[in-house]
């Protein structure tokens, strides 16, 4: 899932940068959506990590002795 987010982030930064360079009138809106998406993603990750630790899970996914 992290890889998918990284790819979407790269595409968003690239297209947002193109709009800013071209002077597009909706460039600020595109950047706002990109920042909002990043904040939403990190908020979800923090919530998920908190829930995993609250129920005693681990993030590795491997077996422990």
C-alpha atoms as a PDB file:
ATOM      1  CA  UNK A   1       0.000   0.000   0.000  1.00  0.00           C
ATOM      2  CA  UNK A   2       2.908   2.331   0.708  1.00  0.00           C
ATOM      3  CA  UNK A   3       4.182   1.860  -2.849  1.00  0.00           C
ATOM      4  CA  UNK A   4       0.799   2.764  -4.325  1.00  0.00           C
ATOM      5  CA  UNK A   5       0.671   5.914  -2.193  1.00  0.00           C
ATOM      6  CA  UNK A   6       4.206   6.866  -3.253  1.00  0.00           C
ATOM      7  CA  UNK A   7       3.307   6.485  -6.934  1.00  0.00           C
ATOM      8  CA  UNK A   8       0.138   8.572  -6.540  1.00  0.00           C
ATOM      9  CA  UNK A   9       2.119  11.205  -4.621  1.00  0.00           C
ATOM     10  CA  UNK A  10       4.752  11.439  -7.354  1.00  0.00           C
ATOM     11  CA  UNK A  11       2.080  11.786 -10.038  1.00  0.00           C
ATOM     12  CA  UNK A  12       0.268  14.441  -7.987  1.00  0.00           C
ATOM     13  CA  UNK A  13       3.428  16.468  -7.369  1.00  0.00           C
ATOM     14  CA  UNK A  14       4.364  16.250 -11.047  1.00  0.00           C
ATOM     15  CA  UNK A  15       0.957  17.319 -12.355  1.00  0.00           C
ATOM     16  CA  UNK A  16       0.623  20.022  -9.688  1.00  0.00           C
ATOM     17  CA  UNK A  17       4.044  21.366 -10.550  1.00  0.00           C
ATOM     18  CA  UNK A  18       3.134  21.438 -14.236  1.00  0.00           C
ATOM     19  CA  UNK A  19      -0.011  23.441 -13.453  1.00  0.00           C
ATOM     20  CA  UNK A  20       1.957  25.937 -11.347  1.00  0.00           C
ATOM     21  CA  UNK A  21       4.607  26.364 -14.059  1.00  0.00           C
ATOM     22  CA  UNK A  22       1.957  26.877 -16.746  1.00  0.00           C
ATOM     23  CA  UNK A  23       0.104  29.425 -14.625  1.00  0.00           C
ATOM     24  CA  UNK A  24      -3.114  27.418 -14.550  1.00  0.00           C
ATOM     25  CA  UNK A  25      -5.886  29.176 -12.584  1.00  0.00           C
ATOM     26  CA  UNK A  26      -6.738  25.986 -10.652  1.00  0.00           C
ATOM     27  CA  UNK A  27      -3.140  25.212  -9.644  1.00  0.00           C
ATOM     28  CA  UNK A  28      -3.704  26.239  -6.028  1.00  0.00           C
ATOM     29  CA  UNK A  29      -6.748  23.988  -5.798  1.00  0.00           C
ATOM     30  CA  UNK A  30      -4.770  21.034  -7.128  1.00  0.00           C
ATOM     31  CA  UNK A  31      -2.030  21.636  -4.594  1.00  0.00           C
ATOM     32  CA  UNK A  32      -4.646  21.860  -1.838  1.00  0.00           C
ATOM     33  CA  UNK A  33      -6.134  18.503  -2.816  1.00  0.00           C
ATOM     34  CA  UNK A  34      -2.657  16.974  -2.867  1.00  0.00           C
ATOM     35  CA  UNK A  35      -1.802  18.297   0.604  1.00  0.00           C
ATOM     36  CA  UNK A  36      -5.200  17.183   1.905  1.00  0.00           C
ATOM     37  CA  UNK A  37      -4.665  13.690   0.538  1.00  0.00           C
ATOM     38  CA  UNK A  38      -1.229  13.447   2.144  1.00  0.00           C
ATOM     39  CA  UNK A  39      -2.585  14.602   5.515  1.00  0.00           C
ATOM     40  CA  UNK A  40      -5.463  12.135   5.275  1.00  0.00           C
ATOM     41  CA  UNK A  41      -3.080   9.288   4.468  1.00  0.00           C
ATOM     42  CA  UNK A  42      -0.729  10.050   7.377  1.00  0.00           C
ATOM     43  CA  UNK A  43      -3.672  10.465   9.734  1.00  0.00           C
ATOM     44  CA  UNK A  44      -4.971   7.057   8.684  1.00  0.00           C
ATOM     45  CA  UNK A  45      -1.533   5.502   9.196  1.00  0.00           C
ATOM     46  CA  UNK A  46      -1.256   6.961  12.702  1.00  0.00           C
ATOM     47  CA  UNK A  47      -4.735   5.707  13.572  1.00  0.00           C
ATOM     48  CA  UNK A  48      -3.981   2.252  12.153  1.00  0.00           C
ATOM     49  CA  UNK A  49      -0.672   1.972  14.022  1.00  0.00           C
ATOM     50  CA  UNK A  50      -2.355   3.078  17.248  1.00  0.00           C
ATOM     51  CA  UNK A  51      -5.096   0.467  16.850  1.00  0.00           C
ATOM     52  CA  UNK A  52      -2.584  -2.287  16.046  1.00  0.00           C
ATOM     53  CA  UNK A  53      -0.566  -1.520  19.167  1.00  0.00           C
ATOM     54  CA  UNK A  54      -3.739  -1.260  21.304  1.00  0.00           C
ATOM     55  CA  UNK A  55      -4.783  -4.811  20.458  1.00  0.00           C
ATOM     56  CA  UNK A  56      -1.252  -6.158  20.949  1.00  0.00           C
ATOM     57  CA  UNK A  57      -0.358  -6.727  17.334  1.00  0.00           C
ATOM     58  CA  UNK A  58       2.986  -6.199  15.689  1.00  0.00           C
ATOM     59  CA  UNK A  59       3.770  -4.654  12.344  1.00  0.00           C
ATOM     60  CA  UNK A  60       6.355  -7.138  11.117  1.00  0.00           C
ATOM     61  CA  UNK A  61       3.968  -9.818  10.000  1.00  0.00           C
ATOM     62  CA  UNK A  62       6.574 -12.454  10.761  1.00  0.00           C
ATOM     63  CA  UNK A  63       6.527 -15.139  13.388  1.00  0.00           C
ATOM     64  CA  UNK A  64       7.944 -14.380  16.813  1.00  0.00           C
ATOM     65  CA  UNK A  65       9.112 -16.829  19.472  1.00  0.00           C
END
